[in-house]
Amino acid sequence: VGPETETFAHLLTRIPVELGAQVVLVEHDLDLVSEVCGEVAVLDFGHL
């Protein structure tokens, strides 16, 4: 919650920059998704 999520979000954005790895994030927290994900894919009943 709150500042904890912000701390975690900051780490997620550092991974591609500092470690050179891509992150694929499955997440229900749309605020977190909006903050860290440049793009998003939406699935519904197995379809894009």
All heavy atoms as atom14 arrays in JSON, in Angstrom:
{
  "sequence": "VGPETETFAHLLTRIPVELGAQVVLVEHDLDLVSEVCGEVAVLDFGHL",
  "atom14_mask": [
    [1, 1, 1, 1, 1, 1, 1, 0, 0, 0, 0, 0, 0, 0],
    [1, 1, 1, 1, 0, 0, 0, 0, 0, 0, 0, 0, 0, 0],
    [1, 1, 1, 1, 1, 1, 1, 0, 0, 0, 0, 0, 0, 0],
    [1, 1, 1, 1, 1, 1, 1, 1, 1, 0, 0, 0, 0, 0],
    [1, 1, 1, 1, 1, 1, 1, 0, 0, 0, 0, 0, 0, 0],
    [1, 1, 1, 1, 1, 1, 1, 1, 1, 0, 0, 0, 0, 0],
    [1, 1, 1, 1, 1, 1, 1, 0, 0, 0, 0, 0, 0, 0],
    [1, 1, 1, 1, 1, 1, 1, 1, 1, 1, 1, 0, 0, 0],
    [1, 1, 1, 1, 1, 0, 0, 0, 0, 0, 0, 0, 0, 0],
    [1, 1, 1, 1, 1, 1, 1, 1, 1, 1, 0, 0, 0, 0],
    [1, 1, 1, 1, 1, 1, 1, 1, 0, 0, 0, 0, 0, 0],
    [1, 1, 1, 1, 1, 1, 1, 1, 0, 0, 0, 0, 0, 0],
    [1, 1, 1, 1, 1, 1, 1, 0, 0, 0, 0, 0, 0, 0],
    [1, 1, 1, 1, 1, 1, 1, 1, 1, 1, 1, 0, 0, 0],
    [1, 1, 1, 1, 1, 1, 1, 1, 0, 0, 0, 0, 0, 0],
    [1, 1, 1, 1, 1, 1, 1, 0, 0, 0, 0, 0, 0, 0],
    [1, 1, 1, 1, 1, 1, 1, 0, 0, 0, 0, 0, 0, 0],
    [1, 1, 1, 1, 1, 1, 1, 1, 1, 0, 0, 0, 0, 0],
    [1, 1, 1, 1, 1, 1, 1, 1, 0, 0, 0, 0, 0, 0],
    [1, 1, 1, 1, 0, 0, 0, 0, 0, 0, 0, 0, 0, 0],
    [1, 1, 1, 1, 1, 0, 0, 0, 0, 0, 0, 0, 0, 0],
    [1, 1, 1, 1, 1, 1, 1, 1, 1, 0, 0, 0, 0, 0],
    [1, 1, 1, 1, 1, 1, 1, 0, 0, 0, 0, 0, 0, 0],
    [1, 1, 1, 1, 1, 1, 1, 0, 0, 0, 0, 0, 0, 0],
    [1, 1, 1, 1, 1, 1, 1, 1, 0, 0, 0, 0, 0, 0],
    [1, 1, 1, 1, 1, 1, 1, 0, 0, 0, 0, 0, 0, 0],
    [1, 1, 1, 1, 1, 1, 1, 1, 1, 0, 0, 0, 0, 0],
    [1, 1, 1, 1, 1, 1, 1, 1, 1, 1, 0, 0, 0, 0],
    [1, 1, 1, 1, 1, 1, 1, 1, 0, 0, 0, 0, 0, 0],
    [1, 1, 1, 1, 1, 1, 1, 1, 0, 0, 0, 0, 0, 0],
    [1, 1, 1, 1, 1, 1, 1, 1, 0, 0, 0, 0, 0, 0],
    [1, 1, 1, 1, 1, 1, 1, 1, 0, 0, 0, 0, 0, 0],
    [1, 1, 1, 1, 1, 1, 1, 0, 0, 0, 0, 0, 0, 0],
    [1, 1, 1, 1, 1, 1, 0, 0, 0, 0, 0, 0, 0, 0],
    [1, 1, 1, 1, 1, 1, 1, 1, 1, 0, 0, 0, 0, 0],
    [1, 1, 1, 1, 1, 1, 1, 0, 0, 0, 0, 0, 0, 0],
    [1, 1, 1, 1, 1, 1, 0, 0, 0, 0, 0, 0, 0, 0],
    [1, 1, 1, 1, 0, 0, 0, 0, 0, 0, 0, 0, 0, 0],
    [1, 1, 1, 1, 1, 1, 1, 1, 1, 0, 0, 0, 0, 0],
    [1, 1, 1, 1, 1, 1, 1, 0, 0, 0, 0, 0, 0, 0],
    [1, 1, 1, 1, 1, 0, 0, 0, 0, 0, 0, 0, 0, 0],
    [1, 1, 1, 1, 1, 1, 1, 0, 0, 0, 0, 0, 0, 0],
    [1, 1, 1, 1, 1, 1, 1, 1, 0, 0, 0, 0, 0, 0],
    [1, 1, 1, 1, 1, 1, 1, 1, 0, 0, 0, 0, 0, 0],
    [1, 1, 1, 1, 1, 1, 1, 1, 1, 1, 1, 0, 0, 0],
    [1, 1, 1, 1, 0, 0, 0, 0, 0, 0, 0, 0, 0, 0],
    [1, 1, 1, 1, 1, 1, 1, 1, 1, 1, 0, 0, 0, 0],
    [1, 1, 1, 1, 1, 1, 1, 1, 0, 0, 0, 0, 0, 0]
  ],
  "atom14_positions": [
    [[0.85, -1.2, 0.0], [0.0, 0.0, 0.0], [0.88, 1.24, 0.0], [2.01, 1.23, 0.49], [-0.94, 0.04, 1.23], [-1.96, -1.08, 1.17], [-0.14, -0.03, 2.53], [0.0, 0.0, 0.0], [0.0, 0.0, 0.0], [0.0, 0.0, 0.0], [0.0, 0.0, 0.0], [0.0, 0.0, 0.0], [0.0, 0.0, 0.0], [0.0, 0.0, 0.0]],
    [[0.34, 2.32, -0.57], [0.95, 3.65, -0.48], [2.42, 3.68, -0.81], [2.84, 3.28, -1.9], [0.0, 0.0, 0.0], [0.0, 0.0, 0.0], [0.0, 0.0, 0.0], [0.0, 0.0, 0.0], [0.0, 0.0, 0.0], [0.0, 0.0, 0.0], [0.0, 0.0, 0.0], [0.0, 0.0, 0.0], [0.0, 0.0, 0.0], [0.0, 0.0, 0.0]],
    [[3.25, 4.18, 0.13], [4.69, 4.32, -0.13], [5.37, 2.99, -0.47], [6.37, 2.97, -1.19], [5.23, 4.88, 1.2], [4.05, 5.54, 1.83], [2.87, 4.73, 1.44], [0.0, 0.0, 0.0], [0.0, 0.0, 0.0], [0.0, 0.0, 0.0], [0.0, 0.0, 0.0], [0.0, 0.0, 0.0], [0.0, 0.0, 0.0], [0.0, 0.0, 0.0]],
    [[4.84, 1.88, 0.05], [5.42, 0.58, -0.28], [5.31, 0.3, -1.77], [6.25, -0.17, -2.4], [4.7, -0.53, 0.5], [4.88, -0.46, 2.0], [4.09, -1.52, 2.73], [3.11, -2.03, 2.15], [4.43, -1.84, 3.87], [0.0, 0.0, 0.0], [0.0, 0.0, 0.0], [0.0, 0.0, 0.0], [0.0, 0.0, 0.0], [0.0, 0.0, 0.0]],
    [[4.14, 0.59, -2.33], [3.94, 0.39, -3.76], [4.85, 1.29, -4.57], [5.39, 0.89, -5.61], [2.47, 0.64, -4.15], [1.61, -0.18, -3.35], [2.22, 0.33, -5.61], [0.0, 0.0, 0.0], [0.0, 0.0, 0.0], [0.0, 0.0, 0.0], [0.0, 0.0, 0.0], [0.0, 0.0, 0.0], [0.0, 0.0, 0.0], [0.0, 0.0, 0.0]],
    [[5.04, 2.52, -4.11], [5.93, 3.45, -4.8], [7.37, 2.94, -4.8], [8.08, 3.03, -5.81], [5.86, 4.83, -4.14], [4.57, 5.58, -4.4], [4.37, 5.87, -5.88], [5.34, 6.27, -6.55], [3.23, 5.69, -6.37], [0.0, 0.0, 0.0], [0.0, 0.0, 0.0], [0.0, 0.0, 0.0], [0.0, 0.0, 0.0], [0.0, 0.0, 0.0]],
    [[7.81, 2.41, -3.67], [9.15, 1.84, -3.6], [9.31, 0.7, -4.59], [10.31, 0.61, -5.32], [9.43, 1.33, -2.17], [9.42, 2.43, -1.27], [10.78, 0.62, -2.09], [0.0, 0.0, 0.0], [0.0, 0.0, 0.0], [0.0, 0.0, 0.0], [0.0, 0.0, 0.0], [0.0, 0.0, 0.0], [0.0, 0.0, 0.0], [0.0, 0.0, 0.0]],
    [[8.31, -0.15, -4.65], [8.36, -1.3, -5.56], [8.32, -0.85, -7.01], [9.04, -1.38, -7.87], [7.2, -2.25, -5.26], [7.43, -3.64, -5.76], [8.15, -4.55, -5.03], [6.93, -4.02, -6.99], [8.37, -5.83, -5.5], [7.15, -5.29, -7.48], [7.87, -6.21, -6.73], [0.0, 0.0, 0.0], [0.0, 0.0, 0.0], [0.0, 0.0, 0.0]],
    [[7.48, 0.13, -7.3], [7.38, 0.65, -8.67], [8.72, 1.2, -9.14], [9.12, 0.99, -10.3], [6.31, 1.73, -8.74], [0.0, 0.0, 0.0], [0.0, 0.0, 0.0], [0.0, 0.0, 0.0], [0.0, 0.0, 0.0], [0.0, 0.0, 0.0], [0.0, 0.0, 0.0], [0.0, 0.0, 0.0], [0.0, 0.0, 0.0], [0.0, 0.0, 0.0]],
    [[9.41, 1.91, -8.27], [10.71, 2.47, -8.64], [11.7, 1.37, -9.0], [12.46, 1.5, -9.97], [11.25, 3.32, -7.49], [12.59, 3.91, -7.74], [12.83, 4.83, -8.73], [13.8, 3.7, -7.13], [14.1, 5.17, -8.74], [14.71, 4.5, -7.78], [0.0, 0.0, 0.0], [0.0, 0.0, 0.0], [0.0, 0.0, 0.0], [0.0, 0.0, 0.0]],
    [[11.67, 0.28, -8.26], [12.56, -0.83, -8.56], [12.23, -1.46, -9.91], [13.14, -1.82, -10.68], [12.47, -1.89, -7.46], [13.2, -1.57, -6.15], [12.83, -2.59, -5.09], [14.7, -1.54, -6.37], [0.0, 0.0, 0.0], [0.0, 0.0, 0.0], [0.0, 0.0, 0.0], [0.0, 0.0, 0.0], [0.0, 0.0, 0.0], [0.0, 0.0, 0.0]],
    [[10.96, -1.6, -10.21], [10.57, -2.19, -11.49], [11.11, -1.38, -12.66], [11.59, -1.94, -13.65], [9.04, -2.29, -11.58], [8.35, -3.28, -10.64], [6.85, -3.32, -10.95], [8.94, -4.67, -10.76], [0.0, 0.0, 0.0], [0.0, 0.0, 0.0], [0.0, 0.0, 0.0], [0.0, 0.0, 0.0], [0.0, 0.0, 0.0], [0.0, 0.0, 0.0]],
    [[11.05, -0.06, -12.55], [11.52, 0.77, -13.65], [13.04, 0.74, -13.77], [13.59, 1.01, -14.85], [11.06, 2.23, -13.49], [11.56, 2.76, -12.25], [9.53, 2.31, -13.49], [0.0, 0.0, 0.0], [0.0, 0.0, 0.0], [0.0, 0.0, 0.0], [0.0, 0.0, 0.0], [0.0, 0.0, 0.0], [0.0, 0.0, 0.0], [0.0, 0.0, 0.0]],
    [[13.74, 0.4, -12.69], [15.21, 0.31, -12.73], [15.69, -0.95, -13.41], [16.82, -0.99, -13.91], [15.77, 0.37, -11.31], [15.7, 1.76, -10.65], [16.2, 1.67, -9.22], [17.56, 1.1, -9.15], [18.06, 0.51, -8.06], [17.34, 0.44, -6.94], [19.3, 0.02, -8.07], [0.0, 0.0, 0.0], [0.0, 0.0, 0.0], [0.0, 0.0, 0.0]],
    [[14.9, -2.01, -13.42], [15.36, -3.29, -13.92], [15.79, -3.21, -15.39], [16.9, -3.64, -15.73], [14.29, -4.38, -13.7], [14.15, -4.68, -12.21], [14.64, -5.66, -14.47], [13.01, -5.62, -11.86], [0.0, 0.0, 0.0], [0.0, 0.0, 0.0], [0.0, 0.0, 0.0], [0.0, 0.0, 0.0], [0.0, 0.0, 0.0], [0.0, 0.0, 0.0]],
    [[14.96, -2.66, -16.3], [15.42, -2.58, -17.69], [16.62, -1.66, -17.86], [17.51, -1.95, -18.67], [14.19, -2.04, -18.44], [13.03, -2.31, -17.55], [13.57, -2.21, -16.16], [0.0, 0.0, 0.0], [0.0, 0.0, 0.0], [0.0, 0.0, 0.0], [0.0, 0.0, 0.0], [0.0, 0.0, 0.0], [0.0, 0.0, 0.0], [0.0, 0.0, 0.0]],
    [[16.65, -0.58, -17.12], [17.7, 0.42, -17.28], [19.04, -0.08, -16.75], [20.08, 0.03, -17.41], [17.31, 1.73, -16.56], [18.45, 2.74, -16.63], [16.05, 2.32, -17.18], [0.0, 0.0, 0.0], [0.0, 0.0, 0.0], [0.0, 0.0, 0.0], [0.0, 0.0, 0.0], [0.0, 0.0, 0.0], [0.0, 0.0, 0.0], [0.0, 0.0, 0.0]],
    [[19.03, -0.67, -15.56], [20.29, -1.04, -14.9], [20.69, -2.49, -15.1], [21.88, -2.81, -15.05], [20.18, -0.73, -13.4], [19.95, 0.75, -13.12], [19.84, 1.06, -11.64], [20.46, 0.33, -10.83], [19.12, 2.01, -11.28], [0.0, 0.0, 0.0], [0.0, 0.0, 0.0], [0.0, 0.0, 0.0], [0.0, 0.0, 0.0], [0.0, 0.0, 0.0]],
    [[19.72, -3.36, -15.33], [20.02, -4.78, -15.49], [19.87, -5.25, -16.93], [20.29, -6.36, -17.27], [19.14, -5.63, -14.57], [19.19, -5.31, -13.08], [18.31, -6.28, -12.31], [20.62, -5.34, -12.56], [0.0, 0.0, 0.0], [0.0, 0.0, 0.0], [0.0, 0.0, 0.0], [0.0, 0.0, 0.0], [0.0, 0.0, 0.0], [0.0, 0.0, 0.0]],
    [[19.23, -4.42, -17.77], [19.06, -4.78, -19.16], [18.04, -5.86, -19.41], [18.05, -6.51, -20.47], [0.0, 0.0, 0.0], [0.0, 0.0, 0.0], [0.0, 0.0, 0.0], [0.0, 0.0, 0.0], [0.0, 0.0, 0.0], [0.0, 0.0, 0.0], [0.0, 0.0, 0.0], [0.0, 0.0, 0.0], [0.0, 0.0, 0.0], [0.0, 0.0, 0.0]],
    [[17.15, -6.09, -18.46], [16.14, -7.14, -18.59], [14.77, -6.53, -18.87], [14.42, -5.47, -18.33], [16.08, -7.98, -17.33], [0.0, 0.0, 0.0], [0.0, 0.0, 0.0], [0.0, 0.0, 0.0], [0.0, 0.0, 0.0], [0.0, 0.0, 0.0], [0.0, 0.0, 0.0], [0.0, 0.0, 0.0], [0.0, 0.0, 0.0], [0.0, 0.0, 0.0]],
    [[13.99, -7.21, -19.69], [12.61, -6.8, -19.9], [11.73, -7.36, -18.79], [11.95, -8.48, -18.31], [12.09, -7.31, -21.24], [10.66, -6.86, -21.54], [10.12, -7.42, -22.85], [10.71, -8.32, -23.44], [9.01, -6.88, -23.33], [0.0, 0.0, 0.0], [0.0, 0.0, 0.0], [0.0, 0.0, 0.0], [0.0, 0.0, 0.0], [0.0, 0.0, 0.0]],
    [[10.75, -6.59, -18.36], [9.8, -7.02, -17.34], [8.43, -7.18, -17.97], [7.95, -6.29, -18.68], [9.72, -6.0, -16.18], [8.65, -6.42, -15.17], [11.08, -5.85, -15.49], [0.0, 0.0, 0.0], [0.0, 0.0, 0.0], [0.0, 0.0, 0.0], [0.0, 0.0, 0.0], [0.0, 0.0, 0.0], [0.0, 0.0, 0.0], [0.0, 0.0, 0.0]],
    [[7.81, -8.32, -17.73], [6.41, -8.53, -18.1], [5.62, -8.58, -16.81], [5.84, -9.47, -15.96], [6.21, -9.82, -18.91], [4.72, -10.04, -19.2], [7.0, -9.76, -20.22], [0.0, 0.0, 0.0], [0.0, 0.0, 0.0], [0.0, 0.0, 0.0], [0.0, 0.0, 0.0], [0.0, 0.0, 0.0], [0.0, 0.0, 0.0], [0.0, 0.0, 0.0]],
    [[4.72, -7.62, -16.64], [4.03, -7.42, -15.36], [2.55, -7.76, -15.48], [1.82, -7.08, -16.19], [4.2, -5.97, -14.9], [3.47, -5.55, -13.63], [4.03, -6.28, -12.42], [3.55, -4.04, -13.42], [0.0, 0.0, 0.0], [0.0, 0.0, 0.0], [0.0, 0.0, 0.0], [0.0, 0.0, 0.0], [0.0, 0.0, 0.0], [0.0, 0.0, 0.0]],
    [[2.13, -8.81, -14.79], [0.71, -9.1, -14.62], [0.29, -8.47, -13.3], [0.85, -8.81, -12.25], [0.45, -10.62, -14.6], [-0.98, -10.91, -14.16], [0.7, -11.21, -15.99], [0.0, 0.0, 0.0], [0.0, 0.0, 0.0], [0.0, 0.0, 0.0], [0.0, 0.0, 0.0], [0.0, 0.0, 0.0], [0.0, 0.0, 0.0], [0.0, 0.0, 0.0]],
    [[-0.68, -7.57, -13.35], [-1.0, -6.81, -12.15], [-2.43, -6.29, -12.22], [-2.91, -5.88, -13.28], [-0.02, -5.63, -12.01], [-0.2, -4.79, -10.78], [-0.1, -5.57, -9.49], [0.95, -6.2, -9.25], [-1.1, -5.55, -8.73], [0.0, 0.0, 0.0], [0.0, 0.0, 0.0], [0.0, 0.0, 0.0], [0.0, 0.0, 0.0], [0.0, 0.0, 0.0]],
    [[-3.13, -6.31, -11.06], [-4.48, -5.78, -10.98], [-4.5, -4.31, -10.56], [-5.52, -3.64, -10.74], [-5.32, -6.59, -9.98], [-5.82, -7.88, -10.54], [-6.88, -7.95, -11.41], [-5.39, -9.15, -10.36], [-7.11, -9.21, -11.74], [-6.21, -9.96, -11.12], [0.0, 0.0, 0.0], [0.0, 0.0, 0.0], [0.0, 0.0, 0.0], [0.0, 0.0, 0.0]],
    [[-3.42, -3.82, -10.01], [-3.34, -2.43, -9.56], [-3.09, -1.54, -10.78], [-1.95, -1.4, -11.25], [-2.21, -2.28, -8.54], [-2.14, -0.88, -7.93], [-2.68, 0.07, -8.54], [-1.51, -0.74, -6.87], [0.0, 0.0, 0.0], [0.0, 0.0, 0.0], [0.0, 0.0, 0.0], [0.0, 0.0, 0.0], [0.0, 0.0, 0.0], [0.0, 0.0, 0.0]],
    [[-4.15, -0.93, -11.3], [-4.02, -0.14, -12.52], [-3.2, 1.12, -12.31], [-2.6, 1.63, -13.26], [-5.4, 0.22, -13.06], [-6.2, -0.93, -13.68], [-7.45, -0.41, -14.35], [-5.36, -1.73, -14.67], [0.0, 0.0, 0.0], [0.0, 0.0, 0.0], [0.0, 0.0, 0.0], [0.0, 0.0, 0.0], [0.0, 0.0, 0.0], [0.0, 0.0, 0.0]],
    [[-3.16, 1.64, -11.09], [-2.3, 2.8, -10.83], [-0.83, 2.4, -11.01], [-0.04, 3.16, -11.6], [-2.52, 3.32, -9.41], [-3.87, 4.0, -9.25], [-4.41, 4.49, -10.27], [-4.39, 4.04, -8.12], [0.0, 0.0, 0.0], [0.0, 0.0, 0.0], [0.0, 0.0, 0.0], [0.0, 0.0, 0.0], [0.0, 0.0, 0.0], [0.0, 0.0, 0.0]],
    [[-0.46, 1.23, -10.51], [0.9, 0.75, -10.68], [1.2, 0.48, -12.16], [2.25, 0.87, -12.67], [1.12, -0.52, -9.87], [2.48, -1.2, -10.02], [3.61, -0.27, -9.59], [2.52, -2.5, -9.21], [0.0, 0.0, 0.0], [0.0, 0.0, 0.0], [0.0, 0.0, 0.0], [0.0, 0.0, 0.0], [0.0, 0.0, 0.0], [0.0, 0.0, 0.0]],
    [[0.26, -0.15, -12.85], [0.43, -0.42, -14.28], [0.62, 0.88, -15.05], [1.51, 0.99, -15.91], [-0.78, -1.21, -14.83], [-0.74, -1.28, -16.35], [-0.82, -2.61, -14.23], [0.0, 0.0, 0.0], [0.0, 0.0, 0.0], [0.0, 0.0, 0.0], [0.0, 0.0, 0.0], [0.0, 0.0, 0.0], [0.0, 0.0, 0.0], [0.0, 0.0, 0.0]],
    [[-0.2, 1.87, -14.76], [-0.09, 3.16, -15.46], [1.24, 3.84, -15.19], [1.78, 4.52, -16.06], [-1.24, 4.08, -15.02], [-2.49, 3.53, -15.38], [0.0, 0.0, 0.0], [0.0, 0.0, 0.0], [0.0, 0.0, 0.0], [0.0, 0.0, 0.0], [0.0, 0.0, 0.0], [0.0, 0.0, 0.0], [0.0, 0.0, 0.0], [0.0, 0.0, 0.0]],
    [[1.78, 3.63, -13.99], [3.03, 4.31, -13.62], [4.26, 3.68, -14.26], [5.17, 4.39, -14.68], [3.19, 4.29, -12.1], [4.44, 5.01, -11.61], [4.52, 5.1, -10.11], [3.55, 4.72, -9.42], [5.58, 5.53, -9.6], [0.0, 0.0, 0.0], [0.0, 0.0, 0.0], [0.0, 0.0, 0.0], [0.0, 0.0, 0.0], [0.0, 0.0, 0.0]],
    [[4.28, 2.35, -14.37], [5.53, 1.7, -14.77], [5.51, 1.07, -16.16], [6.58, 0.79, -16.73], [5.94, 0.61, -13.75], [6.05, 1.2, -12.36], [4.99, -0.57, -13.76], [0.0, 0.0, 0.0], [0.0, 0.0, 0.0], [0.0, 0.0, 0.0], [0.0, 0.0, 0.0], [0.0, 0.0, 0.0], [0.0, 0.0, 0.0], [0.0, 0.0, 0.0]],
    [[4.33, 0.84, -16.73], [4.23, 0.12, -18.0], [4.07, 1.08, -19.17], [3.05, 1.79, -19.25], [3.05, -0.86, -17.98], [3.2, -2.15, -16.74], [0.0, 0.0, 0.0], [0.0, 0.0, 0.0], [0.0, 0.0, 0.0], [0.0, 0.0, 0.0], [0.0, 0.0, 0.0], [0.0, 0.0, 0.0], [0.0, 0.0, 0.0], [0.0, 0.0, 0.0]],
    [[5.04, 1.08, -20.06], [4.91, 1.92, -21.25], [3.82, 1.43, -22.17], [3.13, 2.22, -22.83], [0.0, 0.0, 0.0], [0.0, 0.0, 0.0], [0.0, 0.0, 0.0], [0.0, 0.0, 0.0], [0.0, 0.0, 0.0], [0.0, 0.0, 0.0], [0.0, 0.0, 0.0], [0.0, 0.0, 0.0], [0.0, 0.0, 0.0], [0.0, 0.0, 0.0]],
    [[3.65, 0.11, -22.24], [2.6, -0.49, -23.06], [1.92, -1.58, -22.26], [2.47, -2.1, -21.28], [3.17, -1.06, -24.37], [3.8, 0.0, -25.26], [4.29, -0.58, -26.58], [3.72, -1.6, -27.04], [5.25, -0.01, -27.13], [0.0, 0.0, 0.0], [0.0, 0.0, 0.0], [0.0, 0.0, 0.0], [0.0, 0.0, 0.0], [0.0, 0.0, 0.0]],
    [[0.73, -1.95, -22.72], [-0.05, -2.95, -22.01], [-0.82, -3.79, -23.02], [-1.25, -3.28, -24.07], [-0.99, -2.3, -20.98], [-2.07, -1.47, -21.66], [-1.6, -3.33, -20.06], [0.0, 0.0, 0.0], [0.0, 0.0, 0.0], [0.0, 0.0, 0.0], [0.0, 0.0, 0.0], [0.0, 0.0, 0.0], [0.0, 0.0, 0.0], [0.0, 0.0, 0.0]],
    [[-0.97, -5.07, -22.7], [-1.84, -5.97, -23.46], [-2.99, -6.38, -22.55], [-2.76, -6.73, -21.39], [-1.07, -7.2, -23.93], [0.0, 0.0, 0.0], [0.0, 0.0, 0.0], [0.0, 0.0, 0.0], [0.0, 0.0, 0.0], [0.0, 0.0, 0.0], [0.0, 0.0, 0.0], [0.0, 0.0, 0.0], [0.0, 0.0, 0.0], [0.0, 0.0, 0.0]],
    [[-4.2, -6.33, -23.07], [-5.39, -6.66, -22.3], [-5.95, -7.98, -22.8], [-6.27, -8.12, -23.99], [-6.47, -5.57, -22.41], [-7.64, -5.89, -21.49], [-5.88, -4.2, -22.07], [0.0, 0.0, 0.0], [0.0, 0.0, 0.0], [0.0, 0.0, 0.0], [0.0, 0.0, 0.0], [0.0, 0.0, 0.0], [0.0, 0.0, 0.0], [0.0, 0.0, 0.0]],
    [[-6.07, -8.96, -21.89], [-6.65, -10.25, -22.23], [-8.06, -10.34, -21.67], [-8.36, -9.79, -20.61], [-5.81, -11.39, -21.66], [-4.33, -11.45, -22.04], [-3.7, -12.73, -21.51], [-4.15, -11.35, -23.55], [0.0, 0.0, 0.0], [0.0, 0.0, 0.0], [0.0, 0.0, 0.0], [0.0, 0.0, 0.0], [0.0, 0.0, 0.0], [0.0, 0.0, 0.0]],
    [[-8.9, -11.05, -22.38], [-10.27, -11.29, -21.92], [-10.71, -12.64, -22.46], [-10.8, -12.84, -23.67], [-11.2, -10.18, -22.42], [-12.57, -10.22, -21.76], [-12.66, -10.71, -20.61], [-13.55, -9.79, -22.39], [0.0, 0.0, 0.0], [0.0, 0.0, 0.0], [0.0, 0.0, 0.0], [0.0, 0.0, 0.0], [0.0, 0.0, 0.0], [0.0, 0.0, 0.0]],
    [[-10.95, -13.58, -21.54], [-11.36, -14.95, -21.91], [-10.41, -15.55, -22.95], [-10.85, -16.19, -23.91], [-12.8, -14.96, -22.43], [-13.82, -14.61, -21.38], [-14.44, -13.38, -21.39], [-14.13, -15.51, -20.37], [-15.38, -13.05, -20.42], [-15.07, -15.19, -19.39], [-15.69, -13.95, -19.42], [0.0, 0.0, 0.0], [0.0, 0.0, 0.0], [0.0, 0.0, 0.0]],
    [[-9.12, -15.35, -22.74], [-8.12, -15.99, -23.58], [-7.82, -15.32, -24.89], [-6.99, -15.8, -25.66], [0.0, 0.0, 0.0], [0.0, 0.0, 0.0], [0.0, 0.0, 0.0], [0.0, 0.0, 0.0], [0.0, 0.0, 0.0], [0.0, 0.0, 0.0], [0.0, 0.0, 0.0], [0.0, 0.0, 0.0], [0.0, 0.0, 0.0], [0.0, 0.0, 0.0]],
    [[-8.47, -14.21, -25.16], [-8.25, -13.48, -26.4], [-7.62, -12.12, -26.11], [-7.76, -11.58, -25.01], [-9.58, -13.25, -27.15], [-10.23, -14.51, -27.62], [-11.09, -15.25, -26.82], [-10.15, -15.18, -28.81], [-11.52, -16.3, -27.48], [-10.96, -16.29, -28.69], [0.0, 0.0, 0.0], [0.0, 0.0, 0.0], [0.0, 0.0, 0.0], [0.0, 0.0, 0.0]],
    [[-6.93, -11.58, -27.1], [-6.37, -10.24, -26.98], [-7.47, -9.23, -27.24], [-8.02, -9.15, -28.34], [-5.24, -10.05, -27.98], [-4.53, -8.69, -27.91], [-3.79, -8.53, -26.59], [-3.57, -8.53, -29.09], [0.0, 0.0, 0.0], [0.0, 0.0, 0.0], [0.0, 0.0, 0.0], [0.0, 0.0, 0.0], [0.0, 0.0, 0.0], [0.0, 0.0, 0.0]]
  ]
}
